[in-house]
Amino acid sequence: MKKEVERVEAAIAAAMEGESCAIVSSGDAGIYAMAGLVFEMCQKKGIAIRAPRPDGASNDGALLIEVIPGIPALAAGAALLGAPLTHDFAAISLSDLLTPWELIERRLDAAAGADFVIAIYNPKSKRRSGHLETAQQILLRHRDPGTPVGIVTGAMRENQRVVITTLAELHHAEVDMQTTVFIGNSTTFAYQGHMITPRGYAKKYDLESEQKRHA
């Protein structure tokens, strides 16, 4: 953390010298991670770049950049919870290191008002101990206190912890920078230890008899 620019600078320098190198990010490199900074710094430096081509052909003088997809925390966490992201959702980071807190508050309010399921990244650090509680109060303006909330820490790692609580009790949750918080929308429900957001099939089909409803 806080060494991102130095890491990308070193990788670009190595690549420009003809070496192959990799910048490793947890989760997916393109989601709250390093891929964007690589492209941004190349643009600022005026470096010609190219993507891999199926035929293996190359453009002389252009830097080859390949982004390898990974499994983001919201996908890993959702799998552990059940199916909280089956309908439209928004991902919002509570870290104000690079984004003004006023903008984060506006995004939280807008996403909650539009009834998105919300995946919250970076909910708490030593310096930002109160941001999650502020977010909770913003969300409670739009959501029922009983709205299911999934708390996943260290998804797919040795320190993995999965808890389902409610929006009213969110301020009691144990969270850190490895935690992703899933706030349900108005239709999300908890069922036998799982968190589910319906896609809308029950409005079109009789799920009990598996027969299509006829208008």
C-alpha atoms as a PDB file:
ATOM      1  CA  MET A   1       0.000   0.000   0.000  1.00  0.00           C
ATOM      2  CA  LYS A   2       1.103   3.557  -0.905  1.00  0.00           C
ATOM      3  CA  LYS A   3       3.875   2.137  -3.142  1.00  0.00           C
ATOM      4  CA  GLU A   4       1.691   1.684  -6.217  1.00  0.00           C
ATOM      5  CA  VAL A   5       3.326   4.373  -8.342  1.00  0.00           C
ATOM      6  CA  GLU A   6       6.818   3.111  -7.544  1.00  0.00           C
ATOM      7  CA  ARG A   7       5.805  -0.454  -8.464  1.00  0.00           C
ATOM      8  CA  VAL A   8       4.347   0.590 -11.805  1.00  0.00           C
ATOM      9  CA  GLU A   9       7.363   2.815 -12.534  1.00  0.00           C
ATOM     10  CA  ALA A  10       9.710  -0.117 -11.990  1.00  0.00           C
ATOM     11  CA  ALA A  11       7.571  -2.441 -14.136  1.00  0.00           C
ATOM     12  CA  ILE A  12       7.393   0.036 -17.022  1.00  0.00           C
ATOM     13  CA  ALA A  13      11.145   0.596 -16.870  1.00  0.00           C
ATOM     14  CA  ALA A  14      11.797  -3.150 -17.014  1.00  0.00           C
ATOM     15  CA  ALA A  15       9.357  -3.628 -19.888  1.00  0.00           C
ATOM     16  CA  MET A  16      10.892  -0.755 -21.850  1.00  0.00           C
ATOM     17  CA  GLU A  17      14.252  -2.531 -21.546  1.00  0.00           C
ATOM     18  CA  GLY A  18      12.758  -5.610 -23.201  1.00  0.00           C
ATOM     19  CA  GLU A  19      12.116  -7.676 -20.088  1.00  0.00           C
ATOM     20  CA  SER A  20       8.900  -9.502 -19.285  1.00  0.00           C
ATOM     21  CA  CYS A  21       7.451  -8.577 -15.919  1.00  0.00           C
ATOM     22  CA  ALA A  22       4.202  -8.816 -13.975  1.00  0.00           C
ATOM     23  CA  ILE A  23       2.448  -6.563 -11.509  1.00  0.00           C
ATOM     24  CA  VAL A  24       0.477  -8.754  -9.109  1.00  0.00           C
ATOM     25  CA  SER A  25      -2.741  -7.537  -7.495  1.00  0.00           C
ATOM     26  CA  SER A  26      -5.121  -9.419  -5.251  1.00  0.00           C
ATOM     27  CA  GLY A  27      -8.534 -10.185  -6.696  1.00  0.00           C
ATOM     28  CA  ASP A  28      -8.882  -8.774 -10.208  1.00  0.00           C
ATOM     29  CA  ALA A  29      -6.207  -6.353 -11.415  1.00  0.00           C
ATOM     30  CA  GLY A  30      -8.831  -4.136 -13.028  1.00  0.00           C
ATOM     31  CA  ILE A  31     -11.104  -3.727  -9.985  1.00  0.00           C
ATOM     32  CA  TYR A  32      -9.767  -1.298  -7.376  1.00  0.00           C
ATOM     33  CA  ALA A  33      -6.293  -2.466  -8.324  1.00  0.00           C
ATOM     34  CA  MET A  34      -3.237  -1.763 -10.468  1.00  0.00           C
ATOM     35  CA  ALA A  35      -4.264  -2.162 -14.112  1.00  0.00           C
ATOM     36  CA  GLY A  36      -5.688   1.331 -14.417  1.00  0.00           C
ATOM     37  CA  LEU A  37      -2.551   2.943 -13.020  1.00  0.00           C
ATOM     38  CA  VAL A  38      -0.382   1.099 -15.560  1.00  0.00           C
ATOM     39  CA  PHE A  39      -2.398   2.495 -18.467  1.00  0.00           C
ATOM     40  CA  GLU A  40      -2.616   5.939 -16.888  1.00  0.00           C
ATOM     41  CA  MET A  41       1.136   6.209 -16.391  1.00  0.00           C
ATOM     42  CA  CYS A  42       1.826   5.004 -19.932  1.00  0.00           C
ATOM     43  CA  GLN A  43      -0.531   7.687 -21.225  1.00  0.00           C
ATOM     44  CA  LYS A  44       1.148  10.391 -19.116  1.00  0.00           C
ATOM     45  CA  LYS A  45       4.574   9.298 -20.388  1.00  0.00           C
ATOM     46  CA  GLY A  46       3.391   9.085 -24.008  1.00  0.00           C
ATOM     47  CA  ILE A  47       4.350   5.399 -24.292  1.00  0.00           C
ATOM     48  CA  ALA A  48       2.813   3.522 -27.213  1.00  0.00           C
ATOM     49  CA  ILE A  49       0.997   0.418 -25.974  1.00  0.00           C
ATOM     50  CA  ARG A  50      -0.779  -2.531 -27.538  1.00  0.00           C
ATOM     51  CA  ALA A  51      -2.900  -5.473 -26.469  1.00  0.00           C
ATOM     52  CA  PRO A  52      -2.091  -9.121 -27.260  1.00  0.00           C
ATOM     53  CA  ARG A  53      -3.231 -10.225 -30.743  1.00  0.00           C
ATOM     54  CA  PRO A  54      -4.622 -13.680 -31.530  1.00  0.00           C
ATOM     55  CA  ASP A  55      -2.231 -14.050 -34.461  1.00  0.00           C
ATOM     56  CA  GLY A  56       0.761 -13.255 -32.262  1.00  0.00           C
ATOM     57  CA  ALA A  57       1.757 -10.312 -34.459  1.00  0.00           C
ATOM     58  CA  SER A  58       3.439  -7.349 -32.823  1.00  0.00           C
ATOM     59  CA  ASN A  59       3.674  -3.622 -33.372  1.00  0.00           C
ATOM     60  CA  ASP A  60       7.308  -2.521 -33.363  1.00  0.00           C
ATOM     61  CA  GLY A  61       8.061  -0.073 -30.595  1.00  0.00           C
ATOM     62  CA  ALA A  62       4.758  -0.547 -28.762  1.00  0.00           C
ATOM     63  CA  LEU A  63       4.657  -1.891 -25.228  1.00  0.00           C
ATOM     64  CA  LEU A  64       2.610  -5.085 -24.888  1.00  0.00           C
ATOM     65  CA  ILE A  65       0.250  -4.952 -21.902  1.00  0.00           C
ATOM     66  CA  GLU A  66      -1.899  -7.939 -21.034  1.00  0.00           C
ATOM     67  CA  VAL A  67      -4.415  -7.768 -18.196  1.00  0.00           C
ATOM     68  CA  ILE A  68      -5.081 -11.222 -16.749  1.00  0.00           C
ATOM     69  CA  PRO A  69      -8.574 -11.465 -15.211  1.00  0.00           C
ATOM     70  CA  GLY A  70      -8.875 -12.662 -11.649  1.00  0.00           C
ATOM     71  CA  ILE A  71     -11.655 -13.324  -9.148  1.00  0.00           C
ATOM     72  CA  PRO A  72     -12.605 -10.062  -7.419  1.00  0.00           C
ATOM     73  CA  ALA A  73     -13.542  -9.987  -3.744  1.00  0.00           C
ATOM     74  CA  LEU A  74     -17.161  -9.202  -4.568  1.00  0.00           C
ATOM     75  CA  ALA A  75     -17.434 -12.381  -6.678  1.00  0.00           C
ATOM     76  CA  ALA A  76     -15.644 -14.601  -4.147  1.00  0.00           C
ATOM     77  CA  GLY A  77     -17.628 -13.131  -1.277  1.00  0.00           C
ATOM     78  CA  ALA A  78     -20.930 -13.458  -3.105  1.00  0.00           C
ATOM     79  CA  ALA A  79     -20.259 -17.145  -3.758  1.00  0.00           C
ATOM     80  CA  LEU A  80     -19.654 -17.724  -0.057  1.00  0.00           C
ATOM     81  CA  LEU A  81     -22.858 -15.902   0.903  1.00  0.00           C
ATOM     82  CA  GLY A  82     -25.084 -17.608  -1.652  1.00  0.00           C
ATOM     83  CA  ALA A  83     -26.443 -15.253  -4.322  1.00  0.00           C
ATOM     84  CA  PRO A  84     -26.572 -11.627  -3.140  1.00  0.00           C
ATOM     85  CA  LEU A  85     -25.582 -10.109  -6.501  1.00  0.00           C
ATOM     86  CA  THR A  86     -28.126 -11.809  -8.752  1.00  0.00           C
ATOM     87  CA  HIS A  87     -29.676  -8.447  -9.657  1.00  0.00           C
ATOM     88  CA  ASP A  88     -28.230  -4.980 -10.373  1.00  0.00           C
ATOM     89  CA  PHE A  89     -25.554  -3.911  -7.923  1.00  0.00           C
ATOM     90  CA  ALA A  90     -23.003  -1.164  -7.270  1.00  0.00           C
ATOM     91  CA  ALA A  91     -19.495  -1.433  -5.824  1.00  0.00           C
ATOM     92  CA  ILE A  92     -18.300   1.450  -3.651  1.00  0.00           C
ATOM     93  CA  SER A  93     -15.019   1.821  -1.767  1.00  0.00           C
ATOM     94  CA  LEU A  94     -15.067   3.699   1.540  1.00  0.00           C
ATOM     95  CA  SER A  95     -11.392   4.605   1.228  1.00  0.00           C
ATOM     96  CA  ASP A  96     -11.003   8.361   0.884  1.00  0.00           C
ATOM     97  CA  LEU A  97      -7.269   8.156   0.261  1.00  0.00           C
ATOM     98  CA  LEU A  98      -7.800   8.881  -3.458  1.00  0.00           C
ATOM     99  CA  THR A  99     -11.505   9.843  -3.541  1.00  0.00           C
ATOM    100  CA  PRO A 100     -13.034  12.747  -1.551  1.00  0.00           C
ATOM    101  CA  TRP A 101     -15.333  11.523   1.221  1.00  0.00           C
ATOM    102  CA  GLU A 102     -18.084  13.919   0.100  1.00  0.00           C
ATOM    103  CA  LEU A 103     -18.166  12.133  -3.281  1.00  0.00           C
ATOM    104  CA  ILE A 104     -18.284   8.723  -1.597  1.00  0.00           C
ATOM    105  CA  GLU A 105     -21.267   9.874   0.477  1.00  0.00           C
ATOM    106  CA  ARG A 106     -23.097  11.042  -2.655  1.00  0.00           C
ATOM    107  CA  ARG A 107     -22.455   7.712  -4.360  1.00  0.00           C
ATOM    108  CA  LEU A 108     -23.729   5.779  -1.335  1.00  0.00           C
ATOM    109  CA  ASP A 109     -26.886   7.884  -1.201  1.00  0.00           C
ATOM    110  CA  ALA A 110     -27.512   7.561  -4.948  1.00  0.00           C
ATOM    111  CA  ALA A 111     -26.957   3.788  -5.012  1.00  0.00           C
ATOM    112  CA  ALA A 112     -29.151   3.245  -1.968  1.00  0.00           C
ATOM    113  CA  GLY A 113     -31.893   5.463  -3.387  1.00  0.00           C
ATOM    114  CA  ALA A 114     -31.849   3.516  -6.661  1.00  0.00           C
ATOM    115  CA  ASP A 115     -32.265   0.231  -4.739  1.00  0.00           C
ATOM    116  CA  PHE A 116     -28.990  -1.298  -5.896  1.00  0.00           C
ATOM    117  CA  VAL A 117     -27.434  -4.123  -3.916  1.00  0.00           C
ATOM    118  CA  ILE A 118     -24.213  -2.490  -2.704  1.00  0.00           C
ATOM    119  CA  ALA A 119     -20.827  -4.181  -2.315  1.00  0.00           C
ATOM    120  CA  ILE A 120     -18.645  -2.069  -0.043  1.00  0.00           C
ATOM    121  CA  TYR A 121     -14.873  -2.328  -0.318  1.00  0.00           C
ATOM    122  CA  ASN A 122     -12.350  -1.032   2.241  1.00  0.00           C
ATOM    123  CA  PRO A 123     -14.959  -0.545   4.985  1.00  0.00           C
ATOM    124  CA  LYS A 124     -12.570   0.298   7.810  1.00  0.00           C
ATOM    125  CA  SER A 125      -8.916   0.962   8.568  1.00  0.00           C
ATOM    126  CA  LYS A 126      -7.060   2.305  11.604  1.00  0.00           C
ATOM    127  CA  ARG A 127      -7.359   5.828  10.215  1.00  0.00           C
ATOM    128  CA  ARG A 128     -10.944   5.443   8.932  1.00  0.00           C
ATOM    129  CA  SER A 129     -12.689   3.874  11.919  1.00  0.00           C
ATOM    130  CA  GLY A 130     -16.003   5.712  11.509  1.00  0.00           C
ATOM    131  CA  HIS A 131     -16.677   5.594   7.774  1.00  0.00           C
ATOM    132  CA  LEU A 132     -18.740   2.391   7.860  1.00  0.00           C
ATOM    133  CA  GLU A 133     -21.073   3.746  10.532  1.00  0.00           C
ATOM    134  CA  THR A 134     -21.577   6.911   8.483  1.00  0.00           C
ATOM    135  CA  ALA A 135     -22.341   4.747   5.456  1.00  0.00           C
ATOM    136  CA  GLN A 136     -24.804   2.745   7.558  1.00  0.00           C
ATOM    137  CA  GLN A 137     -26.713   5.902   8.492  1.00  0.00           C
ATOM    138  CA  ILE A 138     -26.866   6.994   4.845  1.00  0.00           C
ATOM    139  CA  LEU A 139     -28.201   3.590   3.795  1.00  0.00           C
ATOM    140  CA  LEU A 140     -30.801   3.552   6.566  1.00  0.00           C
ATOM    141  CA  ARG A 141     -32.425   6.585   4.949  1.00  0.00           C
ATOM    142  CA  HIS A 142     -33.451   4.301   2.095  1.00  0.00           C
ATOM    143  CA  ARG A 143     -33.413   0.719   3.451  1.00  0.00           C
ATOM    144  CA  ASP A 144     -35.355  -1.174   6.069  1.00  0.00           C
ATOM    145  CA  PRO A 145     -33.275  -1.800   9.236  1.00  0.00           C
ATOM    146  CA  GLY A 146     -33.862  -5.529   8.756  1.00  0.00           C
ATOM    147  CA  THR A 147     -32.209  -5.566   5.330  1.00  0.00           C
ATOM    148  CA  PRO A 148     -29.791  -8.533   5.161  1.00  0.00           C
ATOM    149  CA  VAL A 149     -26.093  -7.644   5.159  1.00  0.00           C
ATOM    150  CA  GLY A 150     -23.305 -10.090   4.357  1.00  0.00           C
ATOM    151  CA  ILE A 151     -19.855  -9.638   5.902  1.00  0.00           C
ATOM    152  CA  VAL A 152     -17.053 -11.579   4.207  1.00  0.00           C
ATOM    153  CA  THR A 153     -13.453 -11.277   5.348  1.00  0.00           C
ATOM    154  CA  GLY A 154     -10.520 -13.016   3.670  1.00  0.00           C
ATOM    155  CA  ALA A 155     -12.679 -14.684   1.019  1.00  0.00           C
ATOM    156  CA  MET A 156     -11.131 -18.003  -0.069  1.00  0.00           C
ATOM    157  CA  ARG A 157      -8.153 -17.457   2.264  1.00  0.00           C
ATOM    158  CA  GLU A 158      -7.085 -19.112   5.492  1.00  0.00           C
ATOM    159  CA  ASN A 159      -8.570 -16.272   7.571  1.00  0.00           C
ATOM    160  CA  GLN A 160     -11.958 -16.537   5.816  1.00  0.00           C
ATOM    161  CA  ARG A 161     -14.935 -15.417   7.898  1.00  0.00           C
ATOM    162  CA  VAL A 162     -18.554 -15.169   6.688  1.00  0.00           C
ATOM    163  CA  VAL A 163     -21.347 -13.565   8.705  1.00  0.00           C
ATOM    164  CA  ILE A 164     -24.895 -12.511   7.835  1.00  0.00           C
ATOM    165  CA  THR A 165     -26.391  -9.687   9.885  1.00  0.00           C
ATOM    166  CA  THR A 166     -28.810  -6.810   9.318  1.00  0.00           C
ATOM    167  CA  LEU A 167     -28.350  -3.192   8.322  1.00  0.00           C
ATOM    168  CA  ALA A 168     -29.449  -2.106  11.789  1.00  0.00           C
ATOM    169  CA  GLU A 169     -26.660  -4.195  13.356  1.00  0.00           C
ATOM    170  CA  LEU A 170     -23.943  -3.370  10.831  1.00  0.00           C
ATOM    171  CA  HIS A 171     -22.067  -1.073  13.218  1.00  0.00           C
ATOM    172  CA  HIS A 172     -21.382  -4.088  15.464  1.00  0.00           C
ATOM    173  CA  ALA A 173     -19.726  -6.098  12.666  1.00  0.00           C
ATOM    174  CA  GLU A 174     -16.040  -6.999  12.811  1.00  0.00           C
ATOM    175  CA  VAL A 175     -14.516  -5.645   9.593  1.00  0.00           C
ATOM    176  CA  ASP A 176     -11.119  -4.660   8.223  1.00  0.00           C
ATOM    177  CA  MET A 177      -9.443  -3.895   4.893  1.00  0.00           C
ATOM    178  CA  GLN A 178      -9.854  -7.517   3.769  1.00  0.00           C
ATOM    179  CA  THR A 179     -13.609  -7.358   4.334  1.00  0.00           C
ATOM    180  CA  THR A 180     -16.291  -6.887   1.686  1.00  0.00           C
ATOM    181  CA  VAL A 181     -19.710  -5.819   2.940  1.00  0.00           C
ATOM    182  CA  PHE A 182     -22.812  -6.767   0.929  1.00  0.00           C
ATOM    183  CA  ILE A 183     -25.878  -4.598   1.534  1.00  0.00           C
ATOM    184  CA  GLY A 184     -29.074  -6.166   0.220  1.00  0.00           C
ATOM    185  CA  ASN A 185     -31.714  -4.310  -1.761  1.00  0.00           C
ATOM    186  CA  SER A 186     -35.450  -4.144  -0.971  1.00  0.00           C
ATOM    187  CA  THR A 187     -36.011  -7.740  -2.153  1.00  0.00           C
ATOM    188  CA  THR A 188     -32.930  -9.450  -0.678  1.00  0.00           C
ATOM    189  CA  PHE A 189     -33.639 -12.105   1.938  1.00  0.00           C
ATOM    190  CA  ALA A 190     -31.738 -14.487   4.196  1.00  0.00           C
ATOM    191  CA  TYR A 191     -32.519 -18.193   3.988  1.00  0.00           C
ATOM    192  CA  GLN A 192     -30.854 -20.953   5.993  1.00  0.00           C
ATOM    193  CA  GLY A 193     -27.539 -19.196   6.363  1.00  0.00           C
ATOM    194  CA  HIS A 194     -27.486 -17.722   2.871  1.00  0.00           C
ATOM    195  CA  MET A 195     -28.140 -14.274   1.387  1.00  0.00           C
ATOM    196  CA  ILE A 196     -30.257 -14.177  -1.770  1.00  0.00           C
ATOM    197  CA  THR A 197     -31.334 -11.360  -4.069  1.00  0.00           C
ATOM    198  CA  PRO A 198     -34.119 -12.516  -6.435  1.00  0.00           C
ATOM    199  CA  ARG A 199     -33.648 -11.850 -10.145  1.00  0.00           C
ATOM    200  CA  GLY A 200     -37.393 -11.556 -10.700  1.00  0.00           C
ATOM    201  CA  TYR A 201     -38.339 -15.043 -11.872  1.00  0.00           C
ATOM    202  CA  ALA A 202     -41.145 -15.307  -9.298  1.00  0.00           C
ATOM    203  CA  LYS A 203     -42.968 -12.454 -11.055  1.00  0.00           C
ATOM    204  CA  LYS A 204     -43.083 -14.420 -14.310  1.00  0.00           C
ATOM    205  CA  TYR A 205     -43.139 -18.058 -13.209  1.00  0.00           C
ATOM    206  CA  ASP A 206     -44.855 -20.136 -10.549  1.00  0.00           C
ATOM    207  CA  LEU A 207     -41.713 -21.356  -8.811  1.00  0.00           C
ATOM    208  CA  GLU A 208     -43.567 -23.828  -6.608  1.00  0.00           C
ATOM    209  CA  SER A 209     -45.157 -25.773  -9.462  1.00  0.00           C
ATOM    210  CA  GLU A 210     -42.503 -24.824 -12.059  1.00  0.00           C
ATOM    211  CA  GLN A 211     -45.289 -23.857 -14.453  1.00  0.00           C
ATOM    212  CA  LYS A 212     -45.142 -20.652 -16.432  1.00  0.00           C
ATOM    213  CA  ARG A 213     -47.735 -18.108 -15.471  1.00  0.00           C
ATOM    214  CA  HIS A 214     -50.062 -17.096 -18.273  1.00  0.00           C
ATOM    215  CA  ALA A 215     -51.282 -13.559 -18.464  1.00  0.00           C
END
